[in-house]
C-alpha atoms as a PDB file:
ATOM      1  CA  MET A   1     193.343 195.581 118.809  1.00  0.00           C
ATOM      2  CA  SER A   2     193.661 196.242 115.148  1.00  0.00           C
ATOM      3  CA  ALA A   3     189.830 196.175 112.988  1.00  0.00           C
ATOM      4  CA  GLN A   4     191.044 192.907 111.747  1.00  0.00           C
ATOM      5  CA  GLU A   5     191.792 191.433 114.878  1.00  0.00           C
ATOM      6  CA  ALA A   6     188.478 192.577 116.217  1.00  0.00           C
ATOM      7  CA  LEU A   7     186.698 191.498 113.222  1.00  0.00           C
ATOM      8  CA  ARG A   8     188.183 188.010 113.271  1.00  0.00           C
ATOM      9  CA  ARG A   9     187.368 187.608 117.178  1.00  0.00           C
ATOM     10  CA  GLY A  10     183.395 188.734 115.778  1.00  0.00           C
ATOM     11  CA  ARG A  11     183.522 186.095 113.494  1.00  0.00           C
ATOM     12  CA  LYS A  12     184.532 183.533 115.802  1.00  0.00           C
ATOM     13  CA  LYS A  13     182.470 184.463 118.219  1.00  0.00           C
ATOM     14  CA  PHE A  14     179.473 184.133 115.720  1.00  0.00           C
ATOM     15  CA  SER A  15     180.446 180.785 114.668  1.00  0.00           C
ATOM     16  CA  TRP A  16     180.468 179.312 118.015  1.00  0.00           C
ATOM     17  CA  LEU A  17     176.994 180.956 118.195  1.00  0.00           C
ATOM     18  CA  LEU A  18     175.777 179.251 115.407  1.00  0.00           C
ATOM     19  CA  VAL A  19     177.196 176.199 116.747  1.00  0.00           C
ATOM     20  CA  VAL A  20     175.632 176.393 119.953  1.00  0.00           C
ATOM     21  CA  LEU A  21     172.135 177.286 118.287  1.00  0.00           C
ATOM     22  CA  GLY A  22     172.219 174.170 115.727  1.00  0.00           C
ATOM     23  CA  PHE A  23     173.569 171.889 118.764  1.00  0.00           C
ATOM     24  CA  THR A  24     170.219 173.548 120.787  1.00  0.00           C
ATOM     25  CA  LEU A  25     168.167 172.656 117.570  1.00  0.00           C
ATOM     26  CA  VAL A  26     169.139 169.468 117.187  1.00  0.00           C
ATOM     27  CA  LEU A  27     168.993 168.221 120.661  1.00  0.00           C
ATOM     28  CA  HIS A  28     165.477 169.629 120.900  1.00  0.00           C
ATOM     29  CA  ALA A  29     164.246 167.856 117.852  1.00  0.00           C
ATOM     30  CA  SER A  30     166.013 164.536 119.333  1.00  0.00           C
ATOM     31  CA  PHE A  31     163.972 165.430 122.439  1.00  0.00           C
ATOM     32  CA  THR A  32     160.944 165.683 120.704  1.00  0.00           C
ATOM     33  CA  GLY A  33     161.157 162.186 119.389  1.00  0.00           C
ATOM     34  CA  ALA A  34     162.430 160.454 121.783  1.00  0.00           C
ATOM     35  CA  LYS A  35     159.757 161.915 124.184  1.00  0.00           C
ATOM     36  CA  ALA A  36     156.973 160.450 121.605  1.00  0.00           C
ATOM     37  CA  GLY A  37     158.973 157.296 121.832  1.00  0.00           C
ATOM     38  CA  ILE A  38     159.154 156.725 125.740  1.00  0.00           C
ATOM     39  CA  SER A  39     155.509 157.960 126.037  1.00  0.00           C
ATOM     40  CA  GLN A  40     154.280 155.273 123.683  1.00  0.00           C
ATOM     41  CA  ILE A  41     156.046 152.620 126.367  1.00  0.00           C
ATOM     42  CA  LEU A  42     154.579 154.375 129.181  1.00  0.00           C
ATOM     43  CA  LEU A  43     150.965 154.413 127.408  1.00  0.00           C
ATOM     44  CA  GLN A  44     151.185 150.664 126.383  1.00  0.00           C
ATOM     45  CA  GLN A  45     151.816 149.675 130.026  1.00  0.00           C
ATOM     46  CA  ALA A  46     148.905 151.831 131.164  1.00  0.00           C
ATOM     47  CA  TRP A  47     146.948 150.284 128.264  1.00  0.00           C
ATOM     48  CA  ALA A  48     147.422 147.013 129.526  1.00  0.00           C
ATOM     49  CA  LYS A  49     146.524 147.891 132.739  1.00  0.00           C
ATOM     50  CA  THR A  50     143.418 149.643 131.354  1.00  0.00           C
ATOM     51  CA  SER A  51     141.942 146.918 129.610  1.00  0.00           C
ATOM     52  CA  THR A  52     142.657 144.282 132.377  1.00  0.00           C
ATOM     53  CA  SER A  53     140.685 146.126 135.180  1.00  0.00           C
ATOM     54  CA  ASN A  54     138.890 148.389 132.975  1.00  0.00           C
ATOM     55  CA  GLN A  55     139.761 151.348 134.476  1.00  0.00           C
ATOM     56  CA  LYS A  56     141.385 154.897 134.175  1.00  0.00           C
ATOM     57  CA  VAL A  57     144.850 154.066 134.235  1.00  0.00           C
ATOM     58  CA  LYS A  58     147.669 157.175 133.770  1.00  0.00           C
ATOM     59  CA  PRO A  59     150.684 156.532 131.948  1.00  0.00           C
ATOM     60  CA  TRP A  60     152.579 158.707 134.759  1.00  0.00           C
ATOM     61  CA  PRO A  61     151.469 160.214 137.966  1.00  0.00           C
ATOM     62  CA  TRP A  62     151.145 163.616 136.767  1.00  0.00           C
ATOM     63  CA  ALA A  63     149.295 162.908 133.536  1.00  0.00           C
ATOM     64  CA  ASP A  64     146.100 164.801 132.866  1.00  0.00           C
ATOM     65  CA  THR A  65     144.719 161.924 130.343  1.00  0.00           C
ATOM     66  CA  TRP A  66     144.813 157.884 130.167  1.00  0.00           C
ATOM     67  CA  PRO A  67     144.659 155.906 127.159  1.00  0.00           C
ATOM     68  CA  ILE A  68     140.658 154.949 126.059  1.00  0.00           C
ATOM     69  CA  ALA A  69     141.472 152.985 122.979  1.00  0.00           C
ATOM     70  CA  LYS A  70     143.818 151.559 120.363  1.00  0.00           C
ATOM     71  CA  ILE A  71     143.781 152.289 116.876  1.00  0.00           C
ATOM     72  CA  THR A  72     145.271 149.466 114.759  1.00  0.00           C
ATOM     73  CA  ALA A  73     146.314 149.648 110.685  1.00  0.00           C
ATOM     74  CA  PRO A  74     146.927 145.901 110.159  1.00  0.00           C
ATOM     75  CA  ARG A  75     148.450 146.650 106.510  1.00  0.00           C
ATOM     76  CA  LEU A  76     150.952 149.147 107.728  1.00  0.00           C
ATOM     77  CA  GLY A  77     151.601 147.100 110.842  1.00  0.00           C
ATOM     78  CA  LYS A  78     150.910 150.257 112.849  1.00  0.00           C
ATOM     79  CA  SER A  79     149.225 150.728 115.879  1.00  0.00           C
ATOM     80  CA  ASN A  80     148.553 153.759 118.521  1.00  0.00           C
ATOM     81  CA  ILE A  81     147.262 154.263 122.193  1.00  0.00           C
ATOM     82  CA  VAL A  82     144.527 156.746 121.865  1.00  0.00           C
ATOM     83  CA  LEU A  83     144.459 159.184 124.555  1.00  0.00           C
ATOM     84  CA  ALA A  84     141.033 160.963 126.345  1.00  0.00           C
ATOM     85  CA  GLU A  85     140.629 164.535 126.152  1.00  0.00           C
ATOM     86  CA  ALA A  86     142.421 165.604 123.146  1.00  0.00           C
ATOM     87  CA  GLY A  87     144.462 168.827 124.396  1.00  0.00           C
ATOM     88  CA  GLY A  88     147.535 170.290 123.304  1.00  0.00           C
ATOM     89  CA  GLU A  89     149.566 168.075 126.100  1.00  0.00           C
ATOM     90  CA  ALA A  90     147.755 165.157 125.441  1.00  0.00           C
ATOM     91  CA  LEU A  91     148.831 165.593 121.506  1.00  0.00           C
ATOM     92  CA  ALA A  92     152.350 165.361 122.102  1.00  0.00           C
ATOM     93  CA  PHE A  93     152.310 161.870 123.774  1.00  0.00           C
ATOM     94  CA  GLY A  94     150.000 160.235 121.316  1.00  0.00           C
ATOM     95  CA  PRO A  95     146.702 160.285 119.169  1.00  0.00           C
ATOM     96  CA  SER A  96     143.755 161.799 121.198  1.00  0.00           C
ATOM     97  CA  LEU A  97     140.017 161.915 120.919  1.00  0.00           C
ATOM     98  CA  LEU A  98     138.449 165.108 120.060  1.00  0.00           C
ATOM     99  CA  ASN A  99     135.917 165.815 122.289  1.00  0.00           C
ATOM    100  CA  ALA A 100     133.465 167.349 119.622  1.00  0.00           C
ATOM    101  CA  GLY A 101     132.704 164.038 118.513  1.00  0.00           C
ATOM    102  CA  GLY A 102     131.305 160.660 119.971  1.00  0.00           C
ATOM    103  CA  SER A 103     133.214 157.957 121.676  1.00  0.00           C
ATOM    104  CA  PRO A 104     134.271 154.542 120.918  1.00  0.00           C
ATOM    105  CA  LYS A 105     132.270 152.977 123.468  1.00  0.00           C
ATOM    106  CA  THR A 106     129.058 155.200 123.465  1.00  0.00           C
ATOM    107  CA  GLY A 107     129.061 156.055 119.380  1.00  0.00           C
ATOM    108  CA  GLY A 108     128.604 158.979 117.135  1.00  0.00           C
ATOM    109  CA  GLN A 109     131.319 160.065 114.701  1.00  0.00           C
ATOM    110  CA  VAL A 110     134.688 159.031 116.563  1.00  0.00           C
ATOM    111  CA  LEU A 111     137.420 162.003 115.646  1.00  0.00           C
ATOM    112  CA  ILE A 112     140.944 161.029 116.477  1.00  0.00           C
ATOM    113  CA  ALA A 113     143.605 163.515 116.210  1.00  0.00           C
ATOM    114  CA  ALA A 114     147.357 163.412 116.167  1.00  0.00           C
ATOM    115  CA  HIS A 115     150.831 164.982 114.789  1.00  0.00           C
ATOM    116  CA  ARG A 116     151.641 164.297 111.358  1.00  0.00           C
ATOM    117  CA  ASN A 117     155.419 164.015 112.258  1.00  0.00           C
ATOM    118  CA  THR A 118     155.003 161.633 114.771  1.00  0.00           C
ATOM    119  CA  HIS A 119     152.149 159.269 116.027  1.00  0.00           C
ATOM    120  CA  PHE A 120     150.275 159.681 112.672  1.00  0.00           C
ATOM    121  CA  THR A 121     153.067 159.678 110.106  1.00  0.00           C
ATOM    122  CA  TRP A 122     151.302 156.286 108.700  1.00  0.00           C
ATOM    123  CA  LEU A 123     148.414 157.803 107.846  1.00  0.00           C
ATOM    124  CA  LYS A 124     149.640 158.784 104.226  1.00  0.00           C
ATOM    125  CA  ASN A 125     150.308 155.312 103.769  1.00  0.00           C
ATOM    126  CA  LEU A 126     146.753 154.215 104.245  1.00  0.00           C
ATOM    127  CA  LYS A 127     144.604 153.289 100.905  1.00  0.00           C
ATOM    128  CA  THR A 128     140.876 153.167 100.295  1.00  0.00           C
ATOM    129  CA  GLY A 129     139.695 149.746 101.446  1.00  0.00           C
ATOM    130  CA  ASP A 130     142.055 149.561 103.826  1.00  0.00           C
ATOM    131  CA  THR A 131     141.097 148.045 107.346  1.00  0.00           C
ATOM    132  CA  LEU A 132     141.212 149.834 110.840  1.00  0.00           C
ATOM    133  CA  LEU A 133     140.503 148.289 114.479  1.00  0.00           C
ATOM    134  CA  LEU A 134     139.278 150.380 116.991  1.00  0.00           C
ATOM    135  CA  GLN A 135     139.612 148.525 120.337  1.00  0.00           C
ATOM    136  CA  THR A 136     138.204 149.797 123.358  1.00  0.00           C
ATOM    137  CA  SER A 137     139.279 149.366 126.947  1.00  0.00           C
ATOM    138  CA  ASP A 138     136.836 146.698 127.430  1.00  0.00           C
ATOM    139  CA  LEU A 139     138.706 145.109 124.266  1.00  0.00           C
ATOM    140  CA  THR A 140     135.573 145.396 122.570  1.00  0.00           C
ATOM    141  CA  GLU A 141     136.846 146.024 119.027  1.00  0.00           C
ATOM    142  CA  THR A 142     135.256 147.713 115.757  1.00  0.00           C
ATOM    143  CA  GLU A 143     136.689 147.275 112.584  1.00  0.00           C
ATOM    144  CA  TYR A 144     136.241 150.176 109.945  1.00  0.00           C
ATOM    145  CA  GLN A 145     137.186 150.209 106.457  1.00  0.00           C
ATOM    146  CA  VAL A 146     138.916 153.336 105.130  1.00  0.00           C
ATOM    147  CA  MET A 147     136.600 155.112 102.525  1.00  0.00           C
ATOM    148  CA  GLY A 148     138.767 157.819 101.381  1.00  0.00           C
ATOM    149  CA  MET A 149     140.601 160.566 102.502  1.00  0.00           C
ATOM    150  CA  GLU A 150     140.579 164.480 101.887  1.00  0.00           C
ATOM    151  CA  ILE A 151     142.771 167.613 102.740  1.00  0.00           C
ATOM    152  CA  VAL A 152     140.584 170.547 103.836  1.00  0.00           C
ATOM    153  CA  ARG A 153     141.105 174.070 105.780  1.00  0.00           C
ATOM    154  CA  PHE A 154     140.853 173.329 109.249  1.00  0.00           C
ATOM    155  CA  ASP A 155     137.868 175.803 109.431  1.00  0.00           C
ATOM    156  CA  GLU A 156     136.158 174.359 106.487  1.00  0.00           C
ATOM    157  CA  SER A 157     136.529 170.505 107.696  1.00  0.00           C
ATOM    158  CA  GLY A 158     132.918 169.574 107.373  1.00  0.00           C
ATOM    159  CA  ILE A 159     132.938 167.475 110.720  1.00  0.00           C
ATOM    160  CA  GLU A 160     130.212 168.265 112.693  1.00  0.00           C
ATOM    161  CA  ALA A 161     129.092 166.263 116.127  1.00  0.00           C
ATOM    162  CA  ASP A 162     126.168 163.708 114.668  1.00  0.00           C
ATOM    163  CA  GLU A 163     125.523 161.219 117.119  1.00  0.00           C
ATOM    164  CA  THR A 164     123.755 159.181 113.887  1.00  0.00           C
ATOM    165  CA  ASP A 165     127.145 159.213 111.660  1.00  0.00           C
ATOM    166  CA  LYS A 166     129.333 155.968 112.918  1.00  0.00           C
ATOM    167  CA  ARG A 167     132.428 156.923 110.841  1.00  0.00           C
ATOM    168  CA  LEU A 168     135.556 157.173 112.271  1.00  0.00           C
ATOM    169  CA  ALA A 169     138.002 160.318 111.051  1.00  0.00           C
ATOM    170  CA  LEU A 170     141.793 160.420 111.631  1.00  0.00           C
ATOM    171  CA  ILE A 171     142.914 163.845 111.355  1.00  0.00           C
ATOM    172  CA  THR A 172     146.642 165.435 111.265  1.00  0.00           C
ATOM    173  CA  CYS A 173     148.030 168.416 109.733  1.00  0.00           C
ATOM    174  CA  TYR A 174     149.084 168.660 106.019  1.00  0.00           C
ATOM    175  CA  PRO A 175     151.391 168.451 104.562  1.00  0.00           C
ATOM    176  CA  PHE A 176     153.179 165.581 106.276  1.00  0.00           C
ATOM    177  CA  ASP A 177     156.737 167.041 105.197  1.00  0.00           C
ATOM    178  CA  ALA A 178     156.083 170.617 106.152  1.00  0.00           C
ATOM    179  CA  LYS A 179     158.215 172.244 108.612  1.00  0.00           C
ATOM    180  CA  LEU A 180     155.725 174.777 110.000  1.00  0.00           C
ATOM    181  CA  SER A 181     151.848 174.439 110.964  1.00  0.00           C
ATOM    182  CA  GLY A 182     149.534 175.897 108.649  1.00  0.00           C
ATOM    183  CA  PRO A 183     145.749 175.703 108.088  1.00  0.00           C
ATOM    184  CA  LEU A 184     145.497 172.178 106.237  1.00  0.00           C
ATOM    185  CA  ARG A 185     143.949 169.228 107.739  1.00  0.00           C
ATOM    186  CA  TYR A 186     144.364 165.568 106.139  1.00  0.00           C
ATOM    187  CA  ILE A 187     141.542 163.616 107.079  1.00  0.00           C
ATOM    188  CA  VAL A 188     141.199 159.679 106.252  1.00  0.00           C
ATOM    189  CA  TRP A 189     137.088 158.567 106.854  1.00  0.00           C
ATOM    190  CA  ALA A 190     136.203 155.142 107.620  1.00  0.00           C
ATOM    191  CA  GLU A 191     132.889 153.135 108.230  1.00  0.00           C
ATOM    192  CA  PRO A 192     131.993 150.699 110.094  1.00  0.00           C
ATOM    193  CA  VAL A 193     131.837 147.389 108.690  1.00  0.00           C
END
């Protein structure tokens, strides 16, 4: 085999490798989006059962979380089921309550986090003065008004556990169109009306 023939075969193999790698990346991205969409359907069903029985209903048998609230932005026509115990796995399926804060039922500063590229993409469209509705599993609804937004480093957020603070903080990574995670967080602050 000549050197040119070997080079041609090497390029062909490398081209196929790039095609397979590209297909794998597209498939992975599609899977992530599909998982987020399907999980929302299952979470909606679990939320319906939770809100009628007022008991913890897991969205699928092996889930380590369950729906505890529903957050709605009426002007945007957006809503999400909020999950208990925001761990890395829970965040893959929807917005999650951060354990460092209070809870929608017991009060205190309510901290809800979600990924910027799935469940909280709509945060970038909120405006000061917008209404947010937070409904708990007993169907109690609290109305909040967006007071402002800020961009902070994750380790300089200013968020502290304070039972007297009744604000709602919606938190996601920033910037919204970034491909990799970074140190910045986008926080929407809202106060009860």
